Every structure is written in C-alpha cells, then in structure tokens.
Amino acid sequence: VFEEQNYRRQIHVGHHTPPGDQVYLQIVGLGGIYVVDAEWL
C-alpha cells in the first residue's frame, strides 16, 4: 500500500510465472492482471 497526500494505491503480488522470472501483479481497483519482471521483488 502506497499513500500520497490525497491518494492511495494498493498492489497485490501473486504467483511467479512458470519460468520463474516474472510475476503476476494486480492493482486494486483496476481489475486486470499484469505480468511483470520479478527482479524488483
């Protein structure tokens, strides 16, 4: 959960993809799911 003065963003991190170098990510309120690089974890 990240907060600004009048803003709040919540991010859910899911499982790794089968190769293991990517991860599923969802931004609460936007609905869809992104596949992103897992290095930032």
PDB file of all heavy atoms in Angstrom:
ATOM      1  N   VAL A   1       0.857  -1.182   0.000  1.00  0.00           N
ATOM      2  CA  VAL A   1       0.000   0.000   0.000  1.00  0.00           C
ATOM      3  C   VAL A   1       0.896   1.236   0.000  1.00  0.00           C
ATOM      4  O   VAL A   1       1.800   1.357   0.836  1.00  0.00           O
ATOM      5  CB  VAL A   1      -0.936   0.034   1.229  1.00  0.00           C
ATOM      6  CG1 VAL A   1      -1.765   1.313   1.228  1.00  0.00           C
ATOM      7  CG2 VAL A   1      -1.843  -1.197   1.242  1.00  0.00           C
ATOM      8  N   PHE A   2       0.628   2.150  -0.944  1.00  0.00           N
ATOM      9  CA  PHE A   2       1.396   3.382  -1.058  1.00  0.00           C
ATOM     10  C   PHE A   2       0.430   4.557  -0.941  1.00  0.00           C
ATOM     11  O   PHE A   2      -0.620   4.569  -1.592  1.00  0.00           O
ATOM     12  CB  PHE A   2       2.127   3.429  -2.400  1.00  0.00           C
ATOM     13  CG  PHE A   2       3.019   2.242  -2.634  1.00  0.00           C
ATOM     14  CD1 PHE A   2       2.521   1.091  -3.238  1.00  0.00           C
ATOM     15  CD2 PHE A   2       4.338   2.265  -2.236  1.00  0.00           C
ATOM     16  CE1 PHE A   2       3.327  -0.015  -3.448  1.00  0.00           C
ATOM     17  CE2 PHE A   2       5.162   1.159  -2.441  1.00  0.00           C
ATOM     18  CZ  PHE A   2       4.657   0.019  -3.054  1.00  0.00           C
ATOM     19  N   GLU A   3       0.797   5.524  -0.132  1.00  0.00           N
ATOM     20  CA  GLU A   3      -0.092   6.659   0.101  1.00  0.00           C
ATOM     21  C   GLU A   3       0.606   7.972  -0.242  1.00  0.00           C
ATOM     22  O   GLU A   3       1.800   8.137   0.005  1.00  0.00           O
ATOM     23  CB  GLU A   3      -0.556   6.687   1.561  1.00  0.00           C
ATOM     24  CG  GLU A   3      -1.417   5.489   1.951  1.00  0.00           C
ATOM     25  CD  GLU A   3      -1.891   5.567   3.390  1.00  0.00           C
ATOM     26  OE1 GLU A   3      -1.527   6.542   4.078  1.00  0.00           O
ATOM     27  OE2 GLU A   3      -2.622   4.655   3.833  1.00  0.00           O
ATOM     28  N   GLU A   4      -0.177   8.871  -0.834  1.00  0.00           N
ATOM     29  CA  GLU A   4       0.233  10.244  -1.041  1.00  0.00           C
ATOM     30  C   GLU A   4      -0.686  11.112  -0.189  1.00  0.00           C
ATOM     31  O   GLU A   4      -1.430  10.605   0.638  1.00  0.00           O
ATOM     32  CB  GLU A   4       0.137  10.614  -2.517  1.00  0.00           C
ATOM     33  CG  GLU A   4       1.009   9.757  -3.422  1.00  0.00           C
ATOM     34  CD  GLU A   4       0.836  10.103  -4.889  1.00  0.00           C
ATOM     35  OE1 GLU A   4       0.336  11.225  -5.175  1.00  0.00           O
ATOM     36  OE2 GLU A   4       1.171   9.273  -5.748  1.00  0.00           O
ATOM     37  N   GLN A   5      -0.672  12.397  -0.419  1.00  0.00           N
ATOM     38  CA  GLN A   5      -1.492  13.286   0.401  1.00  0.00           C
ATOM     39  C   GLN A   5      -2.982  12.990   0.244  1.00  0.00           C
ATOM     40  O   GLN A   5      -3.716  12.896   1.229  1.00  0.00           O
ATOM     41  CB  GLN A   5      -1.203  14.744   0.041  1.00  0.00           C
ATOM     42  CG  GLN A   5      -1.929  15.745   0.950  1.00  0.00           C
ATOM     43  CD  GLN A   5      -1.508  17.171   0.670  1.00  0.00           C
ATOM     44  OE1 GLN A   5      -0.711  17.429  -0.213  1.00  0.00           O
ATOM     45  NE2 GLN A   5      -2.057  18.111   1.422  1.00  0.00           N
ATOM     46  N   ASN A   6      -3.430  12.837  -0.994  1.00  0.00           N
ATOM     47  CA  ASN A   6      -4.856  12.567  -1.239  1.00  0.00           C
ATOM     48  C   ASN A   6      -5.037  11.378  -2.173  1.00  0.00           C
ATOM     49  O   ASN A   6      -5.937  11.372  -3.018  1.00  0.00           O
ATOM     50  CB  ASN A   6      -5.536  13.807  -1.836  1.00  0.00           C
ATOM     51  CG  ASN A   6      -5.504  15.001  -0.904  1.00  0.00           C
ATOM     52  OD1 ASN A   6      -5.921  14.910   0.248  1.00  0.00           O
ATOM     53  ND2 ASN A   6      -4.998  16.119  -1.397  1.00  0.00           N
ATOM     54  N   TYR A   7      -4.162  10.390  -2.020  1.00  0.00           N
ATOM     55  CA  TYR A   7      -4.178   9.288  -2.975  1.00  0.00           C
ATOM     56  C   TYR A   7      -3.676   8.023  -2.294  1.00  0.00           C
ATOM     57  O   TYR A   7      -2.769   8.075  -1.455  1.00  0.00           O
ATOM     58  CB  TYR A   7      -3.285   9.651  -4.166  1.00  0.00           C
ATOM     59  CG  TYR A   7      -3.180   8.595  -5.236  1.00  0.00           C
ATOM     60  CD1 TYR A   7      -4.187   8.435  -6.189  1.00  0.00           C
ATOM     61  CD2 TYR A   7      -2.064   7.770  -5.307  1.00  0.00           C
ATOM     62  CE1 TYR A   7      -4.070   7.474  -7.175  1.00  0.00           C
ATOM     63  CE2 TYR A   7      -1.946   6.810  -6.299  1.00  0.00           C
ATOM     64  CZ  TYR A   7      -2.949   6.667  -7.232  1.00  0.00           C
ATOM     65  OH  TYR A   7      -2.844   5.709  -8.204  1.00  0.00           O
ATOM     66  N   ARG A   8      -4.264   6.889  -2.640  1.00  0.00           N
ATOM     67  CA  ARG A   8      -3.870   5.609  -2.065  1.00  0.00           C
ATOM     68  C   ARG A   8      -3.869   4.547  -3.159  1.00  0.00           C
ATOM     69  O   ARG A   8      -4.855   4.394  -3.885  1.00  0.00           O
ATOM     70  CB  ARG A   8      -4.826   5.204  -0.941  1.00  0.00           C
ATOM     71  CG  ARG A   8      -4.435   3.949  -0.166  1.00  0.00           C
ATOM     72  CD  ARG A   8      -5.441   3.738   0.969  1.00  0.00           C
ATOM     73  NE  ARG A   8      -5.051   2.677   1.877  1.00  0.00           N
ATOM     74  CZ  ARG A   8      -5.412   1.399   1.719  1.00  0.00           C
ATOM     75  NH1 ARG A   8      -6.172   1.040   0.677  1.00  0.00           N
ATOM     76  NH2 ARG A   8      -5.025   0.500   2.609  1.00  0.00           N
ATOM     77  N   ARG A   9      -2.757   3.832  -3.301  1.00  0.00           N
ATOM     78  CA  ARG A   9      -2.644   2.786  -4.308  1.00  0.00           C
ATOM     79  C   ARG A   9      -2.259   1.483  -3.633  1.00  0.00           C
ATOM     80  O   ARG A   9      -1.282   1.421  -2.888  1.00  0.00           O
ATOM     81  CB  ARG A   9      -1.592   3.153  -5.352  1.00  0.00           C
ATOM     82  CG  ARG A   9      -1.342   2.074  -6.392  1.00  0.00           C
ATOM     83  CD  ARG A   9      -2.537   1.939  -7.323  1.00  0.00           C
ATOM     84  NE  ARG A   9      -2.503   2.908  -8.399  1.00  0.00           N
ATOM     85  CZ  ARG A   9      -3.523   3.163  -9.202  1.00  0.00           C
ATOM     86  NH1 ARG A   9      -4.671   2.526  -9.024  1.00  0.00           N
ATOM     87  NH2 ARG A   9      -3.427   4.052 -10.171  1.00  0.00           N
ATOM     88  N   GLN A  10      -3.055   0.437  -3.868  1.00  0.00           N
ATOM     89  CA  GLN A  10      -2.773  -0.872  -3.286  1.00  0.00           C
ATOM     90  C   GLN A  10      -2.437  -1.856  -4.396  1.00  0.00           C
ATOM     91  O   GLN A  10      -3.133  -1.915  -5.425  1.00  0.00           O
ATOM     92  CB  GLN A  10      -3.967  -1.386  -2.476  1.00  0.00           C
ATOM     93  CG  GLN A  10      -3.687  -2.706  -1.760  1.00  0.00           C
ATOM     94  CD  GLN A  10      -4.786  -3.089  -0.787  1.00  0.00           C
ATOM     95  OE1 GLN A  10      -5.777  -2.384  -0.647  1.00  0.00           O
ATOM     96  NE2 GLN A  10      -4.611  -4.202  -0.100  1.00  0.00           N
ATOM     97  N   ILE A  11      -1.376  -2.610  -4.188  1.00  0.00           N
ATOM     98  CA  ILE A  11      -0.889  -3.555  -5.189  1.00  0.00           C
ATOM     99  C   ILE A  11      -0.856  -4.954  -4.581  1.00  0.00           C
ATOM    100  O   ILE A  11      -0.345  -5.147  -3.470  1.00  0.00           O
ATOM    101  CB  ILE A  11       0.519  -3.165  -5.677  1.00  0.00           C
ATOM    102  CG1 ILE A  11       0.470  -1.810  -6.399  1.00  0.00           C
ATOM    103  CG2 ILE A  11       1.094  -4.231  -6.601  1.00  0.00           C
ATOM    104  CD1 ILE A  11       1.839  -1.285  -6.802  1.00  0.00           C
ATOM    105  N   HIS A  12      -1.396  -5.930  -5.313  1.00  0.00           N
ATOM    106  CA  HIS A  12      -1.336  -7.328  -4.905  1.00  0.00           C
ATOM    107  C   HIS A  12      -0.360  -8.071  -5.812  1.00  0.00           C
ATOM    108  O   HIS A  12      -0.462  -7.988  -7.038  1.00  0.00           O
ATOM    109  CB  HIS A  12      -2.718  -7.985  -5.000  1.00  0.00           C
ATOM    110  CG  HIS A  12      -3.652  -7.558  -3.907  1.00  0.00           C
ATOM    111  ND1 HIS A  12      -4.962  -7.998  -3.835  1.00  0.00           N
ATOM    112  CD2 HIS A  12      -3.476  -6.757  -2.832  1.00  0.00           C
ATOM    113  CE1 HIS A  12      -5.537  -7.467  -2.775  1.00  0.00           C
ATOM    114  NE2 HIS A  12      -4.658  -6.711  -2.147  1.00  0.00           N
ATOM    115  N   VAL A  13       0.561  -8.781  -5.206  1.00  0.00           N
ATOM    116  CA  VAL A  13       1.537  -9.572  -5.943  1.00  0.00           C
ATOM    117  C   VAL A  13       1.165 -11.042  -5.817  1.00  0.00           C
ATOM    118  O   VAL A  13       0.935 -11.542  -4.711  1.00  0.00           O
ATOM    119  CB  VAL A  13       2.962  -9.343  -5.410  1.00  0.00           C
ATOM    120  CG1 VAL A  13       3.977 -10.135  -6.230  1.00  0.00           C
ATOM    121  CG2 VAL A  13       3.302  -7.861  -5.431  1.00  0.00           C
ATOM    122  N   GLY A  14       1.087 -11.733  -6.959  1.00  0.00           N
ATOM    123  CA  GLY A  14       0.663 -13.129  -6.965  1.00  0.00           C
ATOM    124  C   GLY A  14       1.805 -14.105  -7.183  1.00  0.00           C
ATOM    125  O   GLY A  14       2.948 -13.868  -6.788  1.00  0.00           O
ATOM    126  N   HIS A  15       1.484 -15.223  -7.839  1.00  0.00           N
ATOM    127  CA  HIS A  15       2.465 -16.280  -8.081  1.00  0.00           C
ATOM    128  C   HIS A  15       3.469 -15.861  -9.159  1.00  0.00           C
ATOM    129  O   HIS A  15       3.195 -14.973  -9.973  1.00  0.00           O
ATOM    130  CB  HIS A  15       1.761 -17.556  -8.538  1.00  0.00           C
ATOM    131  CG  HIS A  15       0.807 -18.119  -7.529  1.00  0.00           C
ATOM    132  ND1 HIS A  15       1.148 -18.337  -6.212  1.00  0.00           N
ATOM    133  CD2 HIS A  15      -0.497 -18.509  -7.658  1.00  0.00           C
ATOM    134  CE1 HIS A  15       0.114 -18.843  -5.564  1.00  0.00           C
ATOM    135  NE2 HIS A  15      -0.898 -18.954  -6.415  1.00  0.00           N
ATOM    136  N   HIS A  16       4.607 -16.549  -9.162  1.00  0.00           N
ATOM    137  CA  HIS A  16       5.544 -16.412 -10.263  1.00  0.00           C
ATOM    138  C   HIS A  16       5.004 -17.176 -11.473  1.00  0.00           C
ATOM    139  O   HIS A  16       4.284 -18.165 -11.329  1.00  0.00           O
ATOM    140  CB  HIS A  16       6.915 -16.972  -9.881  1.00  0.00           C
ATOM    141  CG  HIS A  16       7.717 -16.052  -9.014  1.00  0.00           C
ATOM    142  ND1 HIS A  16       7.428 -15.841  -7.681  1.00  0.00           N
ATOM    143  CD2 HIS A  16       8.808 -15.280  -9.292  1.00  0.00           C
ATOM    144  CE1 HIS A  16       8.310 -15.000  -7.171  1.00  0.00           C
ATOM    145  NE2 HIS A  16       9.143 -14.634  -8.122  1.00  0.00           N
ATOM    146  N   THR A  17       5.362 -16.723 -12.645  1.00  0.00           N
ATOM    147  CA  THR A  17       5.016 -17.460 -13.859  1.00  0.00           C
ATOM    148  C   THR A  17       5.868 -18.727 -13.904  1.00  0.00           C
ATOM    149  O   THR A  17       6.896 -18.810 -13.226  1.00  0.00           O
ATOM    150  CB  THR A  17       5.277 -16.598 -15.102  1.00  0.00           C
ATOM    151  OG1 THR A  17       6.659 -16.202 -15.101  1.00  0.00           O
ATOM    152  CG2 THR A  17       4.401 -15.357 -15.099  1.00  0.00           C
ATOM    153  N   PRO A  18       5.486 -19.735 -14.701  1.00  0.00           N
ATOM    154  CA  PRO A  18       6.232 -20.997 -14.731  1.00  0.00           C
ATOM    155  C   PRO A  18       7.745 -20.859 -14.921  1.00  0.00           C
ATOM    156  O   PRO A  18       8.499 -21.537 -14.221  1.00  0.00           O
ATOM    157  CB  PRO A  18       5.571 -21.752 -15.894  1.00  0.00           C
ATOM    158  CG  PRO A  18       4.158 -21.260 -15.865  1.00  0.00           C
ATOM    159  CD  PRO A  18       4.237 -19.814 -15.487  1.00  0.00           C
ATOM    160  N   PRO A  19       8.260 -19.953 -15.781  1.00  0.00           N
ATOM    161  CA  PRO A  19       9.724 -19.823 -15.862  1.00  0.00           C
ATOM    162  C   PRO A  19      10.349 -19.284 -14.581  1.00  0.00           C
ATOM    163  O   PRO A  19      11.526 -19.504 -14.318  1.00  0.00           O
ATOM    164  CB  PRO A  19       9.926 -18.850 -17.032  1.00  0.00           C
ATOM    165  CG  PRO A  19       8.663 -18.930 -17.820  1.00  0.00           C
ATOM    166  CD  PRO A  19       7.587 -19.151 -16.803  1.00  0.00           C
ATOM    167  N   GLY A  20       9.575 -18.517 -13.794  1.00  0.00           N
ATOM    168  CA  GLY A  20      10.075 -18.004 -12.526  1.00  0.00           C
ATOM    169  C   GLY A  20      10.655 -16.611 -12.562  1.00  0.00           C
ATOM    170  O   GLY A  20      10.950 -16.039 -11.517  1.00  0.00           O
ATOM    171  N   ASP A  21      10.844 -16.037 -13.762  1.00  0.00           N
ATOM    172  CA  ASP A  21      11.455 -14.710 -13.842  1.00  0.00           C
ATOM    173  C   ASP A  21      10.422 -13.592 -13.945  1.00  0.00           C
ATOM    174  O   ASP A  21      10.779 -12.418 -14.037  1.00  0.00           O
ATOM    175  CB  ASP A  21      12.410 -14.640 -15.039  1.00  0.00           C
ATOM    176  CG  ASP A  21      11.701 -14.938 -16.354  1.00  0.00           C
ATOM    177  OD1 ASP A  21      10.584 -15.505 -16.324  1.00  0.00           O
ATOM    178  OD2 ASP A  21      12.266 -14.605 -17.418  1.00  0.00           O
ATOM    179  N   GLN A  22       9.147 -13.952 -13.939  1.00  0.00           N
ATOM    180  CA  GLN A  22       8.080 -12.959 -13.972  1.00  0.00           C
ATOM    181  C   GLN A  22       7.061 -13.279 -12.883  1.00  0.00           C
ATOM    182  O   GLN A  22       7.037 -14.380 -12.327  1.00  0.00           O
ATOM    183  CB  GLN A  22       7.400 -12.926 -15.347  1.00  0.00           C
ATOM    184  CG  GLN A  22       8.304 -12.424 -16.468  1.00  0.00           C
ATOM    185  CD  GLN A  22       7.602 -12.445 -17.811  1.00  0.00           C
ATOM    186  OE1 GLN A  22       6.923 -13.411 -18.160  1.00  0.00           O
ATOM    187  NE2 GLN A  22       7.765 -11.376 -18.579  1.00  0.00           N
ATOM    188  N   VAL A  23       6.206 -12.293 -12.585  1.00  0.00           N
ATOM    189  CA  VAL A  23       5.236 -12.464 -11.517  1.00  0.00           C
ATOM    190  C   VAL A  23       3.932 -11.779 -11.903  1.00  0.00           C
ATOM    191  O   VAL A  23       3.942 -10.814 -12.683  1.00  0.00           O
ATOM    192  CB  VAL A  23       5.798 -11.871 -10.194  1.00  0.00           C
ATOM    193  CG1 VAL A  23       5.909 -10.363 -10.271  1.00  0.00           C
ATOM    194  CG2 VAL A  23       4.968 -12.292  -8.998  1.00  0.00           C
ATOM    195  N   TYR A  24       2.824 -12.304 -11.400  1.00  0.00           N
ATOM    196  CA  TYR A  24       1.514 -11.698 -11.650  1.00  0.00           C
ATOM    197  C   TYR A  24       1.281 -10.572 -10.647  1.00  0.00           C
ATOM    198  O   TYR A  24       1.595 -10.698  -9.459  1.00  0.00           O
ATOM    199  CB  TYR A  24       0.410 -12.748 -11.529  1.00  0.00           C
ATOM    200  CG  TYR A  24       0.507 -13.871 -12.533  1.00  0.00           C
ATOM    201  CD1 TYR A  24       0.897 -15.147 -12.140  1.00  0.00           C
ATOM    202  CD2 TYR A  24       0.212 -13.645 -13.874  1.00  0.00           C
ATOM    203  CE1 TYR A  24       1.000 -16.189 -13.060  1.00  0.00           C
ATOM    204  CE2 TYR A  24       0.317 -14.675 -14.803  1.00  0.00           C
ATOM    205  CZ  TYR A  24       0.713 -15.941 -14.396  1.00  0.00           C
ATOM    206  OH  TYR A  24       0.825 -16.947 -15.322  1.00  0.00           O
ATOM    207  N   LEU A  25       0.730  -9.491 -11.132  1.00  0.00           N
ATOM    208  CA  LEU A  25       0.528  -8.307 -10.292  1.00  0.00           C
ATOM    209  C   LEU A  25      -0.813  -7.674 -10.624  1.00  0.00           C
ATOM    210  O   LEU A  25      -1.196  -7.571 -11.797  1.00  0.00           O
ATOM    211  CB  LEU A  25       1.679  -7.317 -10.530  1.00  0.00           C
ATOM    212  CG  LEU A  25       1.689  -6.001  -9.751  1.00  0.00           C
ATOM    213  CD1 LEU A  25       3.136  -5.576  -9.481  1.00  0.00           C
ATOM    214  CD2 LEU A  25       0.982  -4.900 -10.538  1.00  0.00           C
ATOM    215  N   GLN A  26      -1.524  -7.256  -9.580  1.00  0.00           N
ATOM    216  CA  GLN A  26      -2.825  -6.606  -9.766  1.00  0.00           C
ATOM    217  C   GLN A  26      -2.881  -5.324  -8.949  1.00  0.00           C
ATOM    218  O   GLN A  26      -2.471  -5.301  -7.792  1.00  0.00           O
ATOM    219  CB  GLN A  26      -3.957  -7.532  -9.331  1.00  0.00           C
ATOM    220  CG  GLN A  26      -5.347  -6.964  -9.587  1.00  0.00           C
ATOM    221  CD  GLN A  26      -6.434  -7.932  -9.152  1.00  0.00           C
ATOM    222  OE1 GLN A  26      -6.493  -8.356  -8.010  1.00  0.00           O
ATOM    223  NE2 GLN A  26      -7.314  -8.304 -10.081  1.00  0.00           N
ATOM    224  N   ILE A  27      -3.368  -4.263  -9.571  1.00  0.00           N
ATOM    225  CA  ILE A  27      -3.595  -3.002  -8.883  1.00  0.00           C
ATOM    226  C   ILE A  27      -5.055  -2.960  -8.476  1.00  0.00           C
ATOM    227  O   ILE A  27      -5.951  -3.011  -9.332  1.00  0.00           O
ATOM    228  CB  ILE A  27      -3.237  -1.800  -9.776  1.00  0.00           C
ATOM    229  CG1 ILE A  27      -1.747  -1.864 -10.131  1.00  0.00           C
ATOM    230  CG2 ILE A  27      -3.570  -0.492  -9.080  1.00  0.00           C
ATOM    231  CD1 ILE A  27      -1.292  -0.767 -11.042  1.00  0.00           C
ATOM    232  N   VAL A  28      -5.294  -2.918  -7.186  1.00  0.00           N
ATOM    233  CA  VAL A  28      -6.659  -2.963  -6.669  1.00  0.00           C
ATOM    234  C   VAL A  28      -7.461  -1.793  -7.222  1.00  0.00           C
ATOM    235  O   VAL A  28      -7.035  -0.637  -7.172  1.00  0.00           O
ATOM    236  CB  VAL A  28      -6.653  -2.921  -5.127  1.00  0.00           C
ATOM    237  CG1 VAL A  28      -8.082  -2.875  -4.587  1.00  0.00           C
ATOM    238  CG2 VAL A  28      -5.910  -4.132  -4.571  1.00  0.00           C
ATOM    239  N   GLY A  29      -8.630  -2.119  -7.788  1.00  0.00           N
ATOM    240  CA  GLY A  29      -9.497  -1.101  -8.363  1.00  0.00           C
ATOM    241  C   GLY A  29      -9.442  -1.037  -9.873  1.00  0.00           C
ATOM    242  O   GLY A  29     -10.342  -0.484 -10.505  1.00  0.00           O
ATOM    243  N   LEU A  30      -8.386  -1.618 -10.474  1.00  0.00           N
ATOM    244  CA  LEU A  30      -8.272  -1.599 -11.938  1.00  0.00           C
ATOM    245  C   LEU A  30      -8.744  -2.899 -12.576  1.00  0.00           C
ATOM    246  O   LEU A  30      -8.991  -2.936 -13.774  1.00  0.00           O
ATOM    247  CB  LEU A  30      -6.824  -1.295 -12.344  1.00  0.00           C
ATOM    248  CG  LEU A  30      -6.281   0.073 -11.918  1.00  0.00           C
ATOM    249  CD1 LEU A  30      -4.905   0.307 -12.546  1.00  0.00           C
ATOM    250  CD2 LEU A  30      -7.233   1.193 -12.300  1.00  0.00           C
ATOM    251  N   GLY A  31      -8.789  -3.974 -11.803  1.00  0.00           N
ATOM    252  CA  GLY A  31      -9.416  -5.198 -12.304  1.00  0.00           C
ATOM    253  C   GLY A  31      -8.505  -6.171 -13.001  1.00  0.00           C
ATOM    254  O   GLY A  31      -8.514  -7.357 -12.681  1.00  0.00           O
ATOM    255  N   GLY A  32      -7.722  -5.736 -13.989  1.00  0.00           N
ATOM    256  CA  GLY A  32      -6.894  -6.649 -14.756  1.00  0.00           C
ATOM    257  C   GLY A  32      -5.669  -7.117 -13.991  1.00  0.00           C
ATOM    258  O   GLY A  32      -5.406  -6.716 -12.864  1.00  0.00           O
ATOM    259  N   ILE A  33      -4.898  -8.010 -14.622  1.00  0.00           N
ATOM    260  CA  ILE A  33      -3.677  -8.548 -14.041  1.00  0.00           C
ATOM    261  C   ILE A  33      -2.519  -8.322 -14.999  1.00  0.00           C
ATOM    262  O   ILE A  33      -2.642  -8.568 -16.210  1.00  0.00           O
ATOM    263  CB  ILE A  33      -3.830 -10.051 -13.715  1.00  0.00           C
ATOM    264  CG1 ILE A  33      -4.834 -10.248 -12.571  1.00  0.00           C
ATOM    265  CG2 ILE A  33      -2.485 -10.676 -13.342  1.00  0.00           C
ATOM    266  CD1 ILE A  33      -5.082 -11.699 -12.213  1.00  0.00           C
ATOM    267  N   TYR A  34      -1.401  -7.862 -14.460  1.00  0.00           N
ATOM    268  CA  TYR A  34      -0.206  -7.610 -15.255  1.00  0.00           C
ATOM    269  C   TYR A  34       0.812  -8.719 -15.019  1.00  0.00           C
ATOM    270  O   TYR A  34       0.915  -9.253 -13.907  1.00  0.00           O
ATOM    271  CB  TYR A  34       0.429  -6.270 -14.869  1.00  0.00           C
ATOM    272  CG  TYR A  34      -0.470  -5.081 -15.055  1.00  0.00           C
ATOM    273  CD1 TYR A  34      -1.328  -4.653 -14.038  1.00  0.00           C
ATOM    274  CD2 TYR A  34      -0.468  -4.351 -16.248  1.00  0.00           C
ATOM    275  CE1 TYR A  34      -2.155  -3.555 -14.197  1.00  0.00           C
ATOM    276  CE2 TYR A  34      -1.286  -3.246 -16.419  1.00  0.00           C
ATOM    277  CZ  TYR A  34      -2.127  -2.854 -15.395  1.00  0.00           C
ATOM    278  OH  TYR A  34      -2.947  -1.758 -15.560  1.00  0.00           O
ATOM    279  N   VAL A  35       1.571  -9.046 -16.053  1.00  0.00           N
ATOM    280  CA  VAL A  35       2.717  -9.946 -15.921  1.00  0.00           C
ATOM    281  C   VAL A  35       3.963  -9.078 -16.021  1.00  0.00           C
ATOM    282  O   VAL A  35       4.218  -8.454 -17.044  1.00  0.00           O
ATOM    283  CB  VAL A  35       2.715 -11.024 -17.024  1.00  0.00           C
ATOM    284  CG1 VAL A  35       3.951 -11.922 -16.885  1.00  0.00           C
ATOM    285  CG2 VAL A  35       1.443 -11.863 -16.948  1.00  0.00           C
ATOM    286  N   VAL A  36       4.727  -8.997 -14.922  1.00  0.00           N
ATOM    287  CA  VAL A  36       5.874  -8.095 -14.859  1.00  0.00           C
ATOM    288  C   VAL A  36       7.129  -8.859 -14.466  1.00  0.00           C
ATOM    289  O   VAL A  36       7.071  -9.983 -13.953  1.00  0.00           O
ATOM    290  CB  VAL A  36       5.627  -6.950 -13.840  1.00  0.00           C
ATOM    291  CG1 VAL A  36       4.379  -6.173 -14.211  1.00  0.00           C
ATOM    292  CG2 VAL A  36       5.513  -7.498 -12.420  1.00  0.00           C
ATOM    293  N   ASP A  37       8.269  -8.234 -14.703  1.00  0.00           N
ATOM    294  CA  ASP A  37       9.548  -8.805 -14.309  1.00  0.00           C
ATOM    295  C   ASP A  37       9.597  -8.944 -12.783  1.00  0.00           C
ATOM    296  O   ASP A  37       9.146  -8.056 -12.053  1.00  0.00           O
ATOM    297  CB  ASP A  37      10.691  -7.920 -14.801  1.00  0.00           C
ATOM    298  CG  ASP A  37      12.045  -8.578 -14.602  1.00  0.00           C
ATOM    299  OD1 ASP A  37      12.602  -8.476 -13.483  1.00  0.00           O
ATOM    300  OD2 ASP A  37      12.544  -9.197 -15.553  1.00  0.00           O
ATOM    301  N   ALA A  38      10.158 -10.047 -12.296  1.00  0.00           N
ATOM    302  CA  ALA A  38      10.169 -10.323 -10.851  1.00  0.00           C
ATOM    303  C   ALA A  38      11.404  -9.773 -10.150  1.00  0.00           C
ATOM    304  O   ALA A  38      11.518  -9.897  -8.933  1.00  0.00           O
ATOM    305  CB  ALA A  38      10.076 -11.826 -10.606  1.00  0.00           C
ATOM    306  N   GLU A  39      12.308  -9.131 -10.871  1.00  0.00           N
ATOM    307  CA  GLU A  39      13.561  -8.670 -10.290  1.00  0.00           C
ATOM    308  C   GLU A  39      13.330  -7.676  -9.150  1.00  0.00           C
ATOM    309  O   GLU A  39      14.060  -7.666  -8.155  1.00  0.00           O
ATOM    310  CB  GLU A  39      14.435  -8.038 -11.374  1.00  0.00           C
ATOM    311  CG  GLU A  39      15.835  -7.688 -10.934  1.00  0.00           C
ATOM    312  CD  GLU A  39      16.707  -8.905 -10.655  1.00  0.00           C
ATOM    313  OE1 GLU A  39      16.350 -10.011 -11.102  1.00  0.00           O
ATOM    314  OE2 GLU A  39      17.746  -8.728  -9.981  1.00  0.00           O
ATOM    315  N   TRP A  40      12.300  -6.834  -9.263  1.00  0.00           N
ATOM    316  CA  TRP A  40      12.060  -5.794  -8.255  1.00  0.00           C
ATOM    317  C   TRP A  40      11.654  -6.370  -6.895  1.00  0.00           C
ATOM    318  O   TRP A  40      11.757  -5.691  -5.872  1.00  0.00           O
ATOM    319  CB  TRP A  40      10.977  -4.823  -8.744  1.00  0.00           C
ATOM    320  CG  TRP A  40       9.616  -5.436  -8.839  1.00  0.00           C
ATOM    321  CD1 TRP A  40       9.092  -6.117  -9.896  1.00  0.00           C
ATOM    322  CD2 TRP A  40       8.596  -5.445  -7.834  1.00  0.00           C
ATOM    323  NE1 TRP A  40       7.816  -6.545  -9.612  1.00  0.00           N
ATOM    324  CE2 TRP A  40       7.489  -6.142  -8.345  1.00  0.00           C
ATOM    325  CE3 TRP A  40       8.520  -4.909  -6.550  1.00  0.00           C
ATOM    326  CZ2 TRP A  40       6.312  -6.326  -7.633  1.00  0.00           C
ATOM    327  CZ3 TRP A  40       7.348  -5.092  -5.814  1.00  0.00           C
ATOM    328  CH2 TRP A  40       6.260  -5.792  -6.354  1.00  0.00           C
ATOM    329  N   LEU A  41      11.231  -7.633  -6.876  1.00  0.00           N
ATOM    330  CA  LEU A  41      10.840  -8.251  -5.610  1.00  0.00           C
ATOM    331  C   LEU A  41      12.014  -8.341  -4.634  1.00  0.00           C
ATOM    332  O   LEU A  41      11.819  -8.420  -3.417  1.00  0.00           O
ATOM    333  CB  LEU A  41      10.272  -9.654  -5.853  1.00  0.00           C
ATOM    334  CG  LEU A  41       8.956  -9.737  -6.641  1.00  0.00           C
ATOM    335  CD1 LEU A  41       8.566 -11.187  -6.861  1.00  0.00           C
ATOM    336  CD2 LEU A  41       7.851  -8.979  -5.924  1.00  0.00           C
TER     337      LEU A  41
END
